[in-house]
N, C-alpha and C. Protein backbone atom coordinates (compact mmCIF):
# COMPACT_ATOMS: atom_id res chain seq x y z
N UNK A 1 11.58 -14.51 13.28
CA UNK A 1 10.64 -13.10 13.60
C UNK A 1 11.35 -12.07 13.30
N UNK A 2 11.08 -11.44 12.33
CA UNK A 2 11.57 -9.48 12.22
C UNK A 2 11.24 -8.85 13.17
N UNK A 3 11.41 -7.56 13.36
CA UNK A 3 10.63 -6.88 14.07
C UNK A 3 10.19 -5.84 14.06
N UNK A 4 9.30 -5.80 14.07
CA UNK A 4 7.60 -5.09 14.01
C UNK A 4 7.58 -3.78 14.65
N UNK A 5 7.56 -2.71 14.23
CA UNK A 5 7.17 -1.72 14.61
C UNK A 5 6.29 -1.43 15.70
N UNK A 6 6.55 -1.40 16.97
CA UNK A 6 5.38 -1.51 18.26
C UNK A 6 4.26 0.08 17.42
N UNK A 7 2.97 -0.52 17.56
CA UNK A 7 1.59 0.18 17.54
C UNK A 7 1.24 0.89 18.71
N UNK A 8 0.50 1.72 18.80
CA UNK A 8 -0.20 2.35 19.94
C UNK A 8 -1.70 1.35 20.01
N UNK A 9 -2.04 0.78 18.98
CA UNK A 9 -3.38 0.14 19.15
C UNK A 9 -3.36 -0.87 17.80
N UNK A 10 -4.25 -1.94 18.42
CA UNK A 10 -4.82 -2.51 17.03
C UNK A 10 -5.03 -2.24 15.84
N UNK A 11 -4.50 -2.75 15.07
CA UNK A 11 -5.06 -2.07 13.46
C UNK A 11 -5.45 -3.57 12.49
N UNK A 12 -5.58 -2.74 11.12
CA UNK A 12 -5.97 -3.79 10.00
C UNK A 12 -4.30 -4.49 9.84
N UNK A 13 -3.51 -3.87 9.76
CA UNK A 13 -1.98 -4.89 9.05
C UNK A 13 -1.85 -5.79 10.65
N UNK A 14 -2.19 -5.14 11.75
CA UNK A 14 -1.56 -5.96 12.84
C UNK A 14 -3.06 -7.31 12.52
N UNK A 15 -3.99 -7.10 12.26
CA UNK A 15 -4.60 -8.54 12.06
C UNK A 15 -4.10 -9.21 11.13
N UNK A 16 -4.12 -8.60 9.92
CA UNK A 16 -3.56 -9.37 8.80
C UNK A 16 -2.14 -9.86 8.96
N UNK A 17 -1.18 -9.72 9.90
CA UNK A 17 -0.25 -10.28 10.32
C UNK A 17 -0.38 -11.44 10.88
N UNK A 18 -1.61 -11.78 11.73
CA UNK A 18 -1.76 -12.44 12.37
C UNK A 18 -2.46 -13.59 11.71
N UNK A 19 -3.33 -13.41 10.49
CA UNK A 19 -3.98 -14.62 9.89
C UNK A 19 -2.80 -14.92 8.41
N UNK A 20 -2.12 -14.17 8.10
CA UNK A 20 -1.39 -14.01 7.16
C UNK A 20 -0.49 -15.27 7.01
N UNK A 21 0.62 -15.87 8.42
CA UNK A 21 0.80 -16.70 8.56
C UNK A 21 1.74 -17.24 7.17
N UNK A 22 2.18 -18.32 6.48
CA UNK A 22 2.27 -19.08 5.58
C UNK A 22 1.34 -19.19 4.99
N UNK A 23 1.19 -18.93 3.89
CA UNK A 23 -0.32 -19.08 3.09
C UNK A 23 -0.48 -20.59 2.39
N UNK A 24 0.56 -21.43 2.83
CA UNK A 24 0.18 -22.66 2.20
C UNK A 24 0.32 -23.34 3.10
N UNK A 25 0.01 -22.46 4.55
CA UNK A 25 -0.32 -23.57 5.72
C UNK A 25 -1.47 -23.10 6.36
N UNK A 26 -2.02 -23.77 7.52
CA UNK A 26 -2.74 -23.39 8.26
C UNK A 26 -4.67 -23.52 8.07
N UNK A 27 -5.60 -23.14 8.95
CA UNK A 27 -6.67 -23.51 8.77
C UNK A 27 -7.54 -22.60 7.83
N UNK A 28 -7.52 -22.94 6.74
CA UNK A 28 -8.32 -22.00 5.73
C UNK A 28 -9.63 -21.06 6.29
N UNK A 29 -10.67 -22.03 6.85
CA UNK A 29 -12.04 -21.33 7.16
C UNK A 29 -11.19 -20.46 8.32
N UNK A 30 -10.66 -20.83 9.45
CA UNK A 30 -10.25 -19.92 10.06
C UNK A 30 -9.70 -18.61 9.73
N UNK A 31 -8.44 -18.51 8.47
CA UNK A 31 -7.67 -17.72 8.03
C UNK A 31 -9.39 -16.66 7.11
N UNK A 32 -10.23 -17.08 6.55
CA UNK A 32 -11.48 -16.56 5.69
C UNK A 32 -11.92 -15.63 6.84
N UNK A 33 -12.71 -16.37 8.38
CA UNK A 33 -13.04 -15.47 8.80
C UNK A 33 -11.99 -14.48 9.65
N UNK A 34 -10.69 -14.62 9.70
CA UNK A 34 -10.16 -13.53 10.33
C UNK A 34 -10.01 -12.12 9.52
N UNK A 35 -10.21 -12.74 7.81
CA UNK A 35 -10.11 -11.34 6.90
C UNK A 35 -11.51 -10.97 7.03
N UNK A 36 -12.54 -11.81 7.17
CA UNK A 36 -13.80 -10.95 7.24
C UNK A 36 -13.88 -10.34 8.58
N UNK A 37 -13.17 -10.36 9.60
CA UNK A 37 -13.11 -9.72 10.69
C UNK A 37 -12.44 -8.50 10.39
N UNK A 38 -11.58 -8.63 9.79
CA UNK A 38 -10.65 -7.25 9.33
C UNK A 38 -11.48 -6.43 8.56
N UNK A 39 -12.36 -6.95 7.79
CA UNK A 39 -13.16 -6.10 7.06
C UNK A 39 -14.79 -5.39 8.24
N UNK A 40 -14.68 -6.32 8.72
CA UNK A 40 -16.08 -6.17 9.79
C UNK A 40 -15.22 -4.48 10.55
N UNK A 41 -13.92 -4.84 11.42
CA UNK A 41 -13.76 -3.94 12.10
C UNK A 41 -12.81 -3.00 11.56
N UNK A 42 -12.41 -2.77 10.27
CA UNK A 42 -11.78 -1.90 9.77
C UNK A 42 -12.12 -1.22 8.37
N UNK A 43 -13.71 -1.83 7.96
CA UNK A 43 -13.48 -1.72 6.66
C UNK A 43 -12.73 -1.51 5.37
N UNK A 44 -12.27 -2.50 5.47
CA UNK A 44 -10.78 -2.81 4.73
C UNK A 44 -10.70 -3.93 4.09
N UNK A 45 -10.06 -4.65 3.02
CA UNK A 45 -10.25 -5.81 2.31
C UNK A 45 -8.42 -6.10 2.20
N UNK A 46 -7.80 -6.50 3.18
CA UNK A 46 -6.23 -6.98 3.10
C UNK A 46 -6.38 -8.45 3.13
N UNK A 47 -6.48 -9.14 1.91
CA UNK A 47 -6.04 -10.66 1.58
C UNK A 47 -5.17 -11.07 2.25
N UNK A 48 -5.07 -12.30 2.78
CA UNK A 48 -3.81 -13.30 3.73
C UNK A 48 -2.83 -13.63 1.98
N UNK A 49 -3.15 -13.76 1.16
CA UNK A 49 -2.39 -13.68 -0.57
C UNK A 49 -1.40 -12.76 -0.70
N UNK A 50 -2.07 -11.65 -0.01
CA UNK A 50 -0.79 -10.21 -0.54
C UNK A 50 0.13 -10.31 0.22
N UNK A 51 1.24 -9.49 0.17
CA UNK A 51 2.35 -9.32 0.83
C UNK A 51 3.14 -8.01 0.94
N UNK A 52 2.52 -7.80 2.65
CA UNK A 52 2.87 -6.38 3.10
C UNK A 52 4.12 -6.61 3.88
N UNK A 53 5.31 -5.66 3.63
CA UNK A 53 6.71 -5.53 4.18
C UNK A 53 6.94 -5.56 5.81
N UNK A 54 7.38 -5.82 6.19
CA UNK A 54 8.18 -5.26 7.49
C UNK A 54 8.06 -3.51 8.07
N UNK A 55 7.51 -3.51 9.28
CA UNK A 55 7.01 -2.18 9.35
C UNK A 55 6.03 -1.15 8.80
N UNK A 56 5.38 -1.81 7.89
CA UNK A 56 4.68 -0.99 6.65
C UNK A 56 3.34 -0.71 7.29
N UNK A 57 2.81 0.37 7.45
CA UNK A 57 1.41 0.33 8.34
C UNK A 57 0.38 1.30 7.52
N UNK A 58 -1.19 0.92 8.38
CA UNK A 58 -1.96 2.08 7.29
C UNK A 58 -2.30 2.95 8.59
N UNK A 59 -2.29 4.27 7.64
CA UNK A 59 -2.73 5.42 9.10
C UNK A 59 -4.45 4.91 8.96
N UNK A 60 -4.47 5.42 10.32
CA UNK A 60 -6.28 5.95 11.44
C UNK A 60 -6.47 3.97 11.05
N UNK A 61 -5.63 3.08 11.37
CA UNK A 61 -6.12 1.73 11.50
C UNK A 61 -6.31 0.96 10.19
N UNK A 62 -6.01 1.68 9.16
CA UNK A 62 -6.44 0.60 7.99
C UNK A 62 -7.62 1.10 7.55
N UNK A 63 -8.37 2.27 7.75
CA UNK A 63 -9.58 2.41 6.97
C UNK A 63 -9.93 2.63 5.97
N UNK A 64 -10.91 1.68 5.35
CA UNK A 64 -11.09 1.73 4.17
C UNK A 64 -10.02 1.41 2.96
N UNK A 65 -8.93 0.52 3.38
CA UNK A 65 -7.83 0.50 2.05
C UNK A 65 -8.26 -0.72 1.76
N UNK A 66 -8.24 -1.30 0.48
CA UNK A 66 -8.58 -2.29 -0.11
C UNK A 66 -7.02 -2.56 -1.08
N UNK A 67 -6.45 -3.70 -0.85
CA UNK A 67 -6.19 -4.43 -1.68
C UNK A 67 -5.80 -5.83 -2.38
N UNK A 68 -4.75 -5.63 -3.40
CA UNK A 68 -5.34 -6.52 -4.09
C UNK A 68 -4.19 -7.91 -3.83
N UNK A 69 -5.19 -9.13 -4.20
CA UNK A 69 -4.41 -10.39 -3.30
C UNK A 69 -2.90 -10.62 -4.00
N UNK A 70 -2.49 -10.39 -5.36
CA UNK A 70 -1.38 -10.60 -5.81
C UNK A 70 -0.58 -9.69 -5.76
N UNK A 71 -0.90 -7.87 -4.56
CA UNK A 71 -0.15 -6.89 -4.54
C UNK A 71 1.46 -7.43 -3.68
N UNK A 72 2.07 -6.33 -3.75
CA UNK A 72 3.26 -6.75 -2.84
C UNK A 72 3.99 -5.29 -2.67
N UNK A 73 3.99 -5.30 -1.41
CA UNK A 73 4.02 -4.12 -0.76
C UNK A 73 5.95 -4.23 -0.21
N UNK A 74 6.45 -2.88 0.20
CA UNK A 74 7.61 -3.15 0.62
C UNK A 74 8.03 -3.21 2.33
N UNK A 75 8.69 -2.97 2.80
CA UNK A 75 9.06 -2.60 4.32
C UNK A 75 8.69 -0.84 4.33
N UNK A 76 8.79 -0.26 5.25
CA UNK A 76 8.62 0.86 5.52
C UNK A 76 7.77 1.78 5.30
N UNK A 77 6.59 1.80 4.50
CA UNK A 77 5.80 2.45 3.70
C UNK A 77 4.67 2.69 4.58
N UNK A 78 3.50 3.53 4.27
CA UNK A 78 2.88 4.50 4.78
C UNK A 78 1.51 4.21 3.36
N UNK A 79 0.61 3.65 4.47
CA UNK A 79 -0.61 3.60 3.40
C UNK A 79 -1.49 4.50 4.08
N UNK A 80 -2.17 5.26 3.16
CA UNK A 80 -3.49 6.59 3.84
C UNK A 80 -4.54 5.84 4.04
N UNK A 81 -5.62 6.76 4.46
CA UNK A 81 -7.39 5.50 4.33
C UNK A 81 -7.56 5.64 3.16
N UNK A 82 -8.39 4.97 2.88
CA UNK A 82 -9.25 5.09 1.38
C UNK A 82 -8.37 4.90 0.32
N UNK A 83 -7.33 3.87 0.04
CA UNK A 83 -6.48 4.11 -0.77
C UNK A 83 -7.19 2.72 -1.45
N UNK A 84 -6.72 2.38 -2.92
CA UNK A 84 -6.93 0.80 -3.40
C UNK A 84 -5.45 0.58 -3.89
N UNK A 85 -5.22 -0.64 -3.91
CA UNK A 85 -4.17 -1.39 -4.72
C UNK A 85 -4.82 -2.11 -5.59
N UNK A 86 -5.35 -2.19 -6.74
CA UNK A 86 -6.00 -3.13 -7.75
C UNK A 86 -5.85 -3.12 -9.11
N UNK A 87 -6.37 -4.09 -9.70
CA UNK A 87 -6.73 -4.76 -10.88
C UNK A 87 -7.40 -3.72 -11.81
N UNK A 88 -6.97 -3.39 -12.64
CA UNK A 88 -7.84 -2.70 -13.67
C UNK A 88 -9.00 -3.34 -14.21
N UNK A 89 -9.13 -4.54 -14.00
CA UNK A 89 -10.54 -5.29 -14.80
C UNK A 89 -10.27 -6.18 -15.69
N UNK A 90 -11.19 -7.22 -15.81
CA UNK A 90 -11.12 -7.87 -17.12
C UNK A 90 -10.50 -8.09 -17.94
N UNK A 91 -9.10 -8.71 -18.37
CA UNK A 91 -8.46 -8.74 -19.41
C UNK A 91 -7.27 -7.71 -19.14
N UNK A 92 -7.01 -7.72 -18.29
CA UNK A 92 -5.62 -6.95 -17.85
C UNK A 92 -5.21 -7.24 -16.41
N UNK A 93 -3.99 -8.49 -16.74
CA UNK A 93 -3.77 -9.24 -15.29
C UNK A 93 -2.66 -8.33 -14.95
N UNK A 94 -2.58 -8.79 -13.85
CA UNK A 94 -0.99 -8.14 -12.95
C UNK A 94 -2.04 -7.34 -11.27
N UNK A 95 -0.80 -6.70 -10.58
CA UNK A 95 -1.64 -5.92 -9.39
C UNK A 95 -0.28 -4.89 -9.47
N UNK A 96 -0.16 -3.99 -8.38
CA UNK A 96 0.77 -3.00 -7.99
C UNK A 96 1.87 -3.78 -7.73
N UNK A 97 2.81 -3.39 -7.56
CA UNK A 97 3.96 -3.63 -6.63
C UNK A 97 4.75 -2.93 -6.16
N UNK A 98 5.01 -2.26 -4.92
CA UNK A 98 5.00 -0.97 -4.23
C UNK A 98 6.59 -1.43 -3.28
N UNK A 99 7.30 -0.35 -3.79
CA UNK A 99 8.77 -0.54 -3.24
C UNK A 99 8.74 -0.15 -1.97
N UNK A 100 10.33 -0.08 -1.20
CA UNK A 100 10.42 0.58 0.40
C UNK A 100 10.33 1.70 0.40
N UNK A 101 9.76 1.97 1.69
CA UNK A 101 9.69 3.58 2.22
C UNK A 101 8.86 4.61 1.38
N UNK A 102 8.10 3.89 0.83
CA UNK A 102 6.75 4.39 -0.03
C UNK A 102 5.79 5.18 0.30
N UNK A 103 5.49 6.47 0.31
CA UNK A 103 4.11 7.19 1.23
C UNK A 103 3.08 7.28 0.22
N UNK A 104 2.20 6.45 0.25
CA UNK A 104 0.46 6.74 -0.36
C UNK A 104 -0.29 7.39 0.37
N UNK A 105 -0.65 8.68 -0.18
CA UNK A 105 -1.78 9.89 1.14
C UNK A 105 -2.98 9.09 0.50
N UNK A 106 -4.03 9.54 1.41
CA UNK A 106 -5.44 9.02 1.56
C UNK A 106 -6.22 9.47 -0.02
N UNK A 107 -7.13 8.18 -0.41
CA UNK A 107 -7.67 8.23 -1.07
C UNK A 107 -7.11 7.72 -2.64
N UNK A 108 -5.61 7.61 -2.51
CA UNK A 108 -4.58 7.11 -3.89
C UNK A 108 -5.33 5.73 -4.76
N UNK A 109 -5.03 5.97 -5.93
CA UNK A 109 -5.72 4.35 -6.17
C UNK A 109 -4.15 4.16 -7.54
N UNK A 110 -3.30 2.70 -7.15
CA UNK A 110 -2.77 2.58 -7.82
C UNK A 110 -3.46 1.23 -8.14
N UNK A 111 -3.36 1.27 -10.14
CA UNK A 111 -4.34 0.26 -10.58
C UNK A 111 -3.39 -0.27 -11.36
N UNK A 112 -3.35 -1.85 -11.74
CA UNK A 112 -2.95 -2.16 -12.75
C UNK A 112 -1.48 -2.97 -12.26
N UNK A 113 -1.23 -3.56 -12.95
CA UNK A 113 0.91 -4.10 -13.06
C UNK A 113 1.34 -2.90 -13.42
N UNK A 114 1.22 -2.16 -11.70
CA UNK A 114 2.53 -0.71 -11.75
C UNK A 114 3.48 -1.32 -10.69
N UNK A 115 4.35 -0.65 -11.00
CA UNK A 115 5.91 -0.84 -10.04
C UNK A 115 5.93 0.65 -9.58
N UNK A 116 6.20 0.43 -8.30
CA UNK A 116 6.07 2.22 -7.58
C UNK A 116 7.88 2.09 -7.18
N UNK A 117 8.43 2.58 -7.32
CA UNK A 117 9.68 2.85 -6.77
C UNK A 117 10.14 2.83 -5.53
N UNK A 118 11.16 3.09 -4.78
CA UNK A 118 11.70 2.77 -3.63
C UNK A 118 11.41 4.36 -2.99
N UNK A 119 11.09 4.75 -2.09
CA UNK A 119 11.37 6.37 -1.65
C UNK A 119 10.19 7.10 -2.50
N UNK A 120 9.13 6.81 -3.31
CA UNK A 120 8.00 7.67 -4.34
C UNK A 120 7.46 7.98 -3.09
N UNK A 121 6.68 9.11 -3.55
CA UNK A 121 5.53 9.62 -3.21
C UNK A 121 4.05 9.84 -3.66
N UNK A 122 3.32 9.41 -3.77
CA UNK A 122 1.69 8.85 -4.25
C UNK A 122 0.73 10.26 -3.49
N UNK A 123 0.51 10.98 -4.23
CA UNK A 123 -0.18 12.11 -3.64
C UNK A 123 -1.68 11.71 -3.54
N UNK A 124 -2.34 12.42 -2.64
CA UNK A 124 -3.76 12.53 -2.39
C UNK A 124 -4.60 12.49 -3.57
N UNK A 125 -5.62 10.97 -3.89
CA UNK A 125 -6.77 11.30 -4.33
C UNK A 125 -6.15 11.08 -5.62
N UNK A 126 -4.73 10.57 -5.81
CA UNK A 126 -3.90 10.51 -7.31
C UNK A 126 -4.26 9.26 -7.66
N UNK A 127 -4.54 9.12 -8.97
CA UNK A 127 -4.78 7.34 -9.96
C UNK A 127 -3.51 7.31 -10.55
N UNK A 128 -2.96 6.21 -10.26
CA UNK A 128 -1.54 6.16 -10.99
C UNK A 128 -1.77 4.79 -11.67
N UNK A 129 -1.60 5.20 -13.23
CA UNK A 129 -1.76 3.73 -14.29
C UNK A 129 -0.67 3.34 -14.96
N UNK A 130 0.55 3.95 -14.50
CA UNK A 130 2.04 3.64 -15.26
C UNK A 130 3.06 3.34 -13.92
N UNK A 131 4.10 2.92 -14.19
CA UNK A 131 4.91 3.09 -13.53
C UNK A 131 5.70 4.41 -12.67
N UNK A 132 6.03 4.18 -11.33
CA UNK A 132 6.60 5.67 -10.94
C UNK A 132 8.11 5.32 -10.61
N UNK A 133 8.76 6.43 -11.24
CA UNK A 133 10.37 6.25 -10.49
C UNK A 133 10.84 6.40 -9.05
N UNK A 134 12.02 5.51 -8.88
CA UNK A 134 12.60 5.59 -6.94
C UNK A 134 12.22 7.41 -6.57
N UNK A 135 12.38 7.76 -5.63
CA UNK A 135 12.42 9.18 -5.39
C UNK A 135 11.59 9.95 -6.38
N UNK A 136 10.25 9.22 -6.49
CA UNK A 136 9.14 10.57 -7.19
C UNK A 136 7.98 10.57 -6.97
N UNK A 137 7.83 11.94 -7.19
CA UNK A 137 6.63 12.37 -6.26
C UNK A 137 5.62 12.62 -7.71
N UNK A 138 4.14 12.03 -7.73
CA UNK A 138 3.32 12.16 -8.18
C UNK A 138 2.03 12.50 -8.20
N UNK A 139 1.31 13.44 -8.46
CA UNK A 139 0.02 13.51 -8.35
C UNK A 139 -1.05 13.85 -9.40
N UNK A 140 -2.12 13.79 -9.01
CA UNK A 140 -3.59 13.79 -9.84
C UNK A 140 -3.58 12.86 -10.80
N UNK A 141 -4.91 13.50 -11.41
CA UNK A 141 -5.94 12.16 -12.92
C UNK A 141 -5.45 12.40 -13.71
N UNK A 142 -4.77 11.61 -14.13
CA UNK A 142 -4.05 10.52 -14.01
C UNK A 142 -2.67 11.24 -13.20
N UNK A 143 -2.04 10.46 -12.68
CA UNK A 143 -0.41 10.71 -11.86
C UNK A 143 0.08 11.52 -12.67
N UNK A 144 0.89 11.98 -12.38
CA UNK A 144 2.09 12.90 -13.33
C UNK A 144 3.06 13.46 -12.39
N UNK A 145 4.29 13.32 -12.65
CA UNK A 145 5.42 13.47 -11.70
C UNK A 145 5.54 14.95 -11.42
N UNK A 146 5.61 15.12 -10.38
CA UNK A 146 6.47 16.67 -9.91
C UNK A 146 7.48 17.08 -10.30
N UNK A 147 7.91 18.50 -10.71
CA UNK A 147 9.16 18.60 -10.80
C UNK A 147 10.29 18.37 -9.94
N UNK A 148 11.38 17.87 -9.60
CA UNK A 148 12.23 17.62 -8.82
C UNK A 148 12.61 19.21 -7.70
N UNK A 149 12.44 18.91 -6.84
CA UNK A 149 12.49 20.32 -5.77
C UNK A 149 14.09 20.12 -5.60
N UNK A 150 14.26 21.94 -5.32
CA UNK A 150 16.00 21.80 -5.28
C UNK A 150 15.88 21.81 -3.69
N UNK A 151 17.18 21.38 -3.19
CA UNK A 151 17.41 20.74 -2.03
C UNK A 151 18.34 21.79 -1.31
N UNK A 152 18.32 22.70 -1.47
CA UNK A 152 18.90 23.93 -0.96
C UNK A 152 18.84 25.46 -1.18
N UNK A 153 19.28 26.39 -1.08
CA UNK A 153 18.54 27.60 -1.17
C UNK A 153 19.54 28.64 -2.17
N UNK A 154 20.77 27.40 -2.16
CA UNK A 154 21.42 27.92 -3.19
C UNK A 154 21.33 27.07 -4.59
N UNK A 155 20.48 26.62 -4.49
CA UNK A 155 19.90 25.89 -5.89
C UNK A 155 18.84 26.93 -6.32
N UNK A 156 18.07 27.66 -5.47
CA UNK A 156 16.80 28.13 -5.71
C UNK A 156 17.13 29.54 -6.03
N UNK A 157 18.20 30.21 -6.25
CA UNK A 157 18.65 31.10 -6.55
C UNK A 157 18.96 31.32 -7.90
N UNK A 158 19.31 29.93 -8.63
CA UNK A 158 19.66 30.04 -9.78
C UNK A 158 18.40 29.92 -10.72
């Protein structure tokens, strides 16, 4: 078993880790009950079929987070409240794939077979419909990249 960041309280991802186990094994009715309990306690949908990496967590206990069953989320990510990682509807297969160390702010929607690169930042209430490169920040509806920020004051003078 890998190290998990300790949390001060029980949350939606903690419960997900309890019922996730190995998806090919286990007592399915009990797993379904635990998923329903997650919905009841935290008003979120985190199916056992999705993959959530180590030390990834949802802020505010995972309130109102919806994750597609085929989504894959990397390690060390932060997912804000009211975030949706979902499909785009009938006829559009696929689900989001989130890299490592990604910050997804409150209310963001990442829809369809979209890849989010490592160290990316998704702004609050953004709607992401296309891939996001590593180390990139996107905001808006639809999400568009922000210009790269200068790293130190000498670059700002130019």
